[in-house]
C-alpha atoms as a PDB file:
ATOM      1  CA  MET A   1     -23.461  -3.642  12.685  1.00  0.00           C
ATOM      2  CA  SER A   2     -22.876   0.565  11.640  1.00  0.00           C
ATOM      3  CA  PHE A   3     -21.851   0.076  14.991  1.00  0.00           C
ATOM      4  CA  LEU A   4     -19.289  -2.133  13.543  1.00  0.00           C
ATOM      5  CA  LYS A   5     -18.782  -0.466  10.124  1.00  0.00           C
ATOM      6  CA  ASN A   6     -17.689   2.574  11.825  1.00  0.00           C
ATOM      7  CA  ILE A   7     -15.095   1.190  13.948  1.00  0.00           C
ATOM      8  CA  PHE A   8     -13.737  -1.593  11.031  1.00  0.00           C
ATOM      9  CA  GLY A   9     -14.376   0.079   7.696  1.00  0.00           C
ATOM     10  CA  SER A  10     -16.035  -1.333   5.172  1.00  0.00           C
ATOM     11  CA  SER A  11     -14.281  -4.314   2.805  1.00  0.00           C
ATOM     12  CA  GLU A  12     -13.982  -2.115  -0.249  1.00  0.00           C
ATOM     13  CA  ALA A  13     -10.854  -1.421  -1.120  1.00  0.00           C
ATOM     14  CA  PRO A  14     -10.643   2.670  -0.473  1.00  0.00           C
ATOM     15  CA  LYS A  15     -11.815   4.957  -3.001  1.00  0.00           C
ATOM     16  CA  GLN A  16     -10.242   7.981  -4.313  1.00  0.00           C
ATOM     17  CA  ASN A  17     -13.232  10.496  -3.432  1.00  0.00           C
ATOM     18  CA  THR A  18     -12.856   9.677   0.187  1.00  0.00           C
ATOM     19  CA  SER A  19      -9.449   9.589   0.791  1.00  0.00           C
ATOM     20  CA  LYS A  20      -7.120  12.280   0.602  1.00  0.00           C
ATOM     21  CA  VAL A  21      -4.558   9.499  -0.716  1.00  0.00           C
ATOM     22  CA  ASN A  22      -4.556   9.572  -4.919  1.00  0.00           C
ATOM     23  CA  TRP A  23      -3.977   5.638  -4.563  1.00  0.00           C
ATOM     24  CA  ILE A  24      -2.907   3.942  -8.130  1.00  0.00           C
ATOM     25  CA  GLU A  25      -5.187   0.731  -8.188  1.00  0.00           C
ATOM     26  CA  LEU A  26      -2.099  -2.090  -7.938  1.00  0.00           C
ATOM     27  CA  ASN A  27      -4.043  -4.450 -10.625  1.00  0.00           C
ATOM     28  CA  ASP A  28      -1.599  -5.682 -13.217  1.00  0.00           C
ATOM     29  CA  LEU A  29       1.769  -7.640 -13.711  1.00  0.00           C
ATOM     30  CA  ALA A  30       2.697  -4.783 -16.044  1.00  0.00           C
ATOM     31  CA  GLN A  31       3.019  -2.135 -13.473  1.00  0.00           C
ATOM     32  CA  LEU A  32       5.566  -3.677 -11.911  1.00  0.00           C
ATOM     33  CA  GLN A  33       7.871  -2.520 -14.492  1.00  0.00           C
ATOM     34  CA  GLU A  34       6.302   0.687 -13.925  1.00  0.00           C
ATOM     35  CA  ILE A  35       6.848   1.002 -10.338  1.00  0.00           C
ATOM     36  CA  VAL A  36      10.338   0.259 -11.004  1.00  0.00           C
ATOM     37  CA  THR A  37      10.792   2.370 -14.151  1.00  0.00           C
ATOM     38  CA  LEU A  38       8.912   5.448 -11.185  1.00  0.00           C
ATOM     39  CA  SER A  39      11.332   4.745  -8.577  1.00  0.00           C
ATOM     40  CA  GLU A  40      14.189   6.209 -10.382  1.00  0.00           C
ATOM     41  CA  GLN A  41      12.824   9.607 -10.248  1.00  0.00           C
ATOM     42  CA  ASN A  42      10.926   8.917  -7.229  1.00  0.00           C
ATOM     43  CA  PRO A  43       9.736   6.658  -4.458  1.00  0.00           C
ATOM     44  CA  VAL A  44       7.072   4.698  -4.603  1.00  0.00           C
ATOM     45  CA  ALA A  45       5.258   2.725  -1.904  1.00  0.00           C
ATOM     46  CA  ILE A  46       2.676   0.003  -2.403  1.00  0.00           C
ATOM     47  CA  PHE A  47      -0.176  -0.160  -0.040  1.00  0.00           C
ATOM     48  CA  LYS A  48      -1.075  -4.099   0.610  1.00  0.00           C
ATOM     49  CA  HIS A  49      -4.841  -4.789   1.227  1.00  0.00           C
ATOM     50  CA  SER A  50      -6.768  -7.410   2.231  1.00  0.00           C
ATOM     51  CA  THR A  51      -9.861  -6.329   1.902  1.00  0.00           C
ATOM     52  CA  ARG A  52     -11.387  -9.323   4.507  1.00  0.00           C
ATOM     53  CA  CYS A  53      -8.924  -8.426   7.314  1.00  0.00           C
ATOM     54  CA  SER A  54     -10.184  -5.797  10.178  1.00  0.00           C
ATOM     55  CA  ILE A  55      -6.521  -5.171  11.140  1.00  0.00           C
ATOM     56  CA  SER A  56      -6.146  -3.913   7.491  1.00  0.00           C
ATOM     57  CA  ARG A  57      -8.556  -1.889   7.229  1.00  0.00           C
ATOM     58  CA  MET A  58      -7.398   0.015  10.889  1.00  0.00           C
ATOM     59  CA  ALA A  59      -3.853  -0.305   9.345  1.00  0.00           C
ATOM     60  CA  LEU A  60      -5.395   1.585   5.887  1.00  0.00           C
ATOM     61  CA  LYS A  61      -7.378   3.750   7.588  1.00  0.00           C
ATOM     62  CA  GLN A  62      -4.690   4.999  10.261  1.00  0.00           C
ATOM     63  CA  PHE A  63      -1.390   5.144   6.797  1.00  0.00           C
ATOM     64  CA  GLU A  64      -4.313   7.596   5.050  1.00  0.00           C
ATOM     65  CA  ASN A  65      -5.541   9.708   7.286  1.00  0.00           C
ATOM     66  CA  GLU A  66      -1.862  10.220   7.492  1.00  0.00           C
ATOM     67  CA  PHE A  67      -0.009  10.323   4.942  1.00  0.00           C
ATOM     68  CA  ASP A  68       0.964  13.884   3.285  1.00  0.00           C
ATOM     69  CA  SER A  69       3.723  12.926   0.841  1.00  0.00           C
ATOM     70  CA  GLU A  70       2.193  13.257  -2.031  1.00  0.00           C
ATOM     71  CA  GLU A  71       4.848  15.719  -3.745  1.00  0.00           C
ATOM     72  CA  LYS A  72       7.649  12.524  -2.224  1.00  0.00           C
ATOM     73  CA  VAL A  73       6.488   9.184  -2.737  1.00  0.00           C
ATOM     74  CA  THR A  74       3.856   7.412  -5.607  1.00  0.00           C
ATOM     75  CA  PRO A  75       1.278   5.308  -3.682  1.00  0.00           C
ATOM     76  CA  TYR A  76       0.120   2.225  -5.074  1.00  0.00           C
ATOM     77  CA  PHE A  77      -2.841  -0.226  -3.830  1.00  0.00           C
ATOM     78  CA  LEU A  78      -3.196  -4.057  -4.320  1.00  0.00           C
ATOM     79  CA  ASP A  79      -6.280  -5.725  -3.229  1.00  0.00           C
ATOM     80  CA  LEU A  80      -4.402  -8.393  -2.420  1.00  0.00           C
ATOM     81  CA  LEU A  81      -7.179 -10.998  -1.870  1.00  0.00           C
ATOM     82  CA  GLU A  82      -8.342  -9.936  -6.114  1.00  0.00           C
ATOM     83  CA  HIS A  83      -4.808  -9.688  -6.903  1.00  0.00           C
ATOM     84  CA  ARG A  84      -2.806 -12.504  -4.774  1.00  0.00           C
ATOM     85  CA  ASP A  85      -0.288 -13.601  -8.174  1.00  0.00           C
ATOM     86  CA  ILE A  86       0.865  -9.506  -8.166  1.00  0.00           C
ATOM     87  CA  SER A  87       1.464  -9.757  -4.529  1.00  0.00           C
ATOM     88  CA  ASN A  88       3.685 -13.371  -4.721  1.00  0.00           C
ATOM     89  CA  GLU A  89       5.552 -10.862  -7.545  1.00  0.00           C
ATOM     90  CA  ILE A  90       6.572  -8.501  -5.569  1.00  0.00           C
ATOM     91  CA  ALA A  91       7.993 -10.428  -2.886  1.00  0.00           C
ATOM     92  CA  SER A  92       9.441 -12.833  -5.339  1.00  0.00           C
ATOM     93  CA  ARG A  93      10.873  -9.435  -7.005  1.00  0.00           C
ATOM     94  CA  PHE A  94      12.039  -7.849  -4.532  1.00  0.00           C
ATOM     95  CA  GLY A  95      13.168 -10.529  -1.834  1.00  0.00           C
ATOM     96  CA  VAL A  96      10.463  -8.990   1.252  1.00  0.00           C
ATOM     97  CA  MET A  97       8.620 -11.868   2.895  1.00  0.00           C
ATOM     98  CA  HIS A  98       4.326 -11.592   1.959  1.00  0.00           C
ATOM     99  CA  GLN A  99       2.788  -9.787   5.011  1.00  0.00           C
ATOM    100  CA  SER A 100      -0.556  -8.360   5.048  1.00  0.00           C
ATOM    101  CA  PRO A 101      -1.465  -5.122   6.054  1.00  0.00           C
ATOM    102  CA  GLN A 102       2.241  -4.694   4.617  1.00  0.00           C
ATOM    103  CA  LEU A 103       3.555  -1.248   3.262  1.00  0.00           C
ATOM    104  CA  ILE A 104       6.757  -1.754   0.990  1.00  0.00           C
ATOM    105  CA  VAL A 105       9.202   1.525  -1.184  1.00  0.00           C
ATOM    106  CA  ILE A 106      10.614   0.852  -4.275  1.00  0.00           C
ATOM    107  CA  LYS A 107      13.540   3.213  -5.031  1.00  0.00           C
ATOM    108  CA  ASN A 108      15.866   3.290  -7.183  1.00  0.00           C
ATOM    109  CA  ARG A 109      14.471  -0.219  -7.959  1.00  0.00           C
ATOM    110  CA  GLU A 110      14.592  -1.982  -4.910  1.00  0.00           C
ATOM    111  CA  ALA A 111      12.703  -2.076  -1.275  1.00  0.00           C
ATOM    112  CA  VAL A 112      13.860   0.463   0.911  1.00  0.00           C
ATOM    113  CA  TYR A 113      11.612   0.639   3.319  1.00  0.00           C
ATOM    114  CA  HIS A 114       9.119  -2.362   4.454  1.00  0.00           C
ATOM    115  CA  VAL A 115       6.671  -2.635   8.110  1.00  0.00           C
ATOM    116  CA  SER A 116       3.523  -4.734   8.277  1.00  0.00           C
ATOM    117  CA  HIS A 117       0.645  -4.654  10.563  1.00  0.00           C
ATOM    118  CA  SER A 118       0.679  -1.725  13.143  1.00  0.00           C
ATOM    119  CA  ASP A 119       4.364  -0.674  12.159  1.00  0.00           C
ATOM    120  CA  ILE A 120       3.080   0.748   9.637  1.00  0.00           C
ATOM    121  CA  ASP A 121       3.043   4.507   9.185  1.00  0.00           C
ATOM    122  CA  ALA A 122       3.316   7.374   6.676  1.00  0.00           C
ATOM    123  CA  GLU A 123       4.603   9.570   8.440  1.00  0.00           C
ATOM    124  CA  ALA A 124       8.351   7.736   7.500  1.00  0.00           C
ATOM    125  CA  LEU A 125       7.794   8.476   4.268  1.00  0.00           C
ATOM    126  CA  LYS A 126       8.817  11.598   5.438  1.00  0.00           C
ATOM    127  CA  ASN A 127      12.698  10.783   5.596  1.00  0.00           C
ATOM    128  CA  LEU A 128      12.208   8.880   2.346  1.00  0.00           C
END
């Protein structure tokens, strides 16, 4: 079992001390308005993650290993299993169909970039 855990990781949300990404946990619908406001000064990346999905876990680990845009992009983490209502509101508010895993970037109050699954690439954030 530890072999599979080493490959796919655990099913838990990322811990700030085990990730070089300083995630802000998105766990309240009211935070979406904060994100919209913040996006006027700095792009905001929302990583939507299913904690039970190995594909999502691999995409998350790859993103965390590549991410080095902390000064350019504010990263938020959404646990889809705990907060599907927030995911649904993101889809509605920003016009981005729900997928998992998914990376959505909000800039100037709009979704300007969104990808899912193997297309998630932290390097793309450098060009925003």
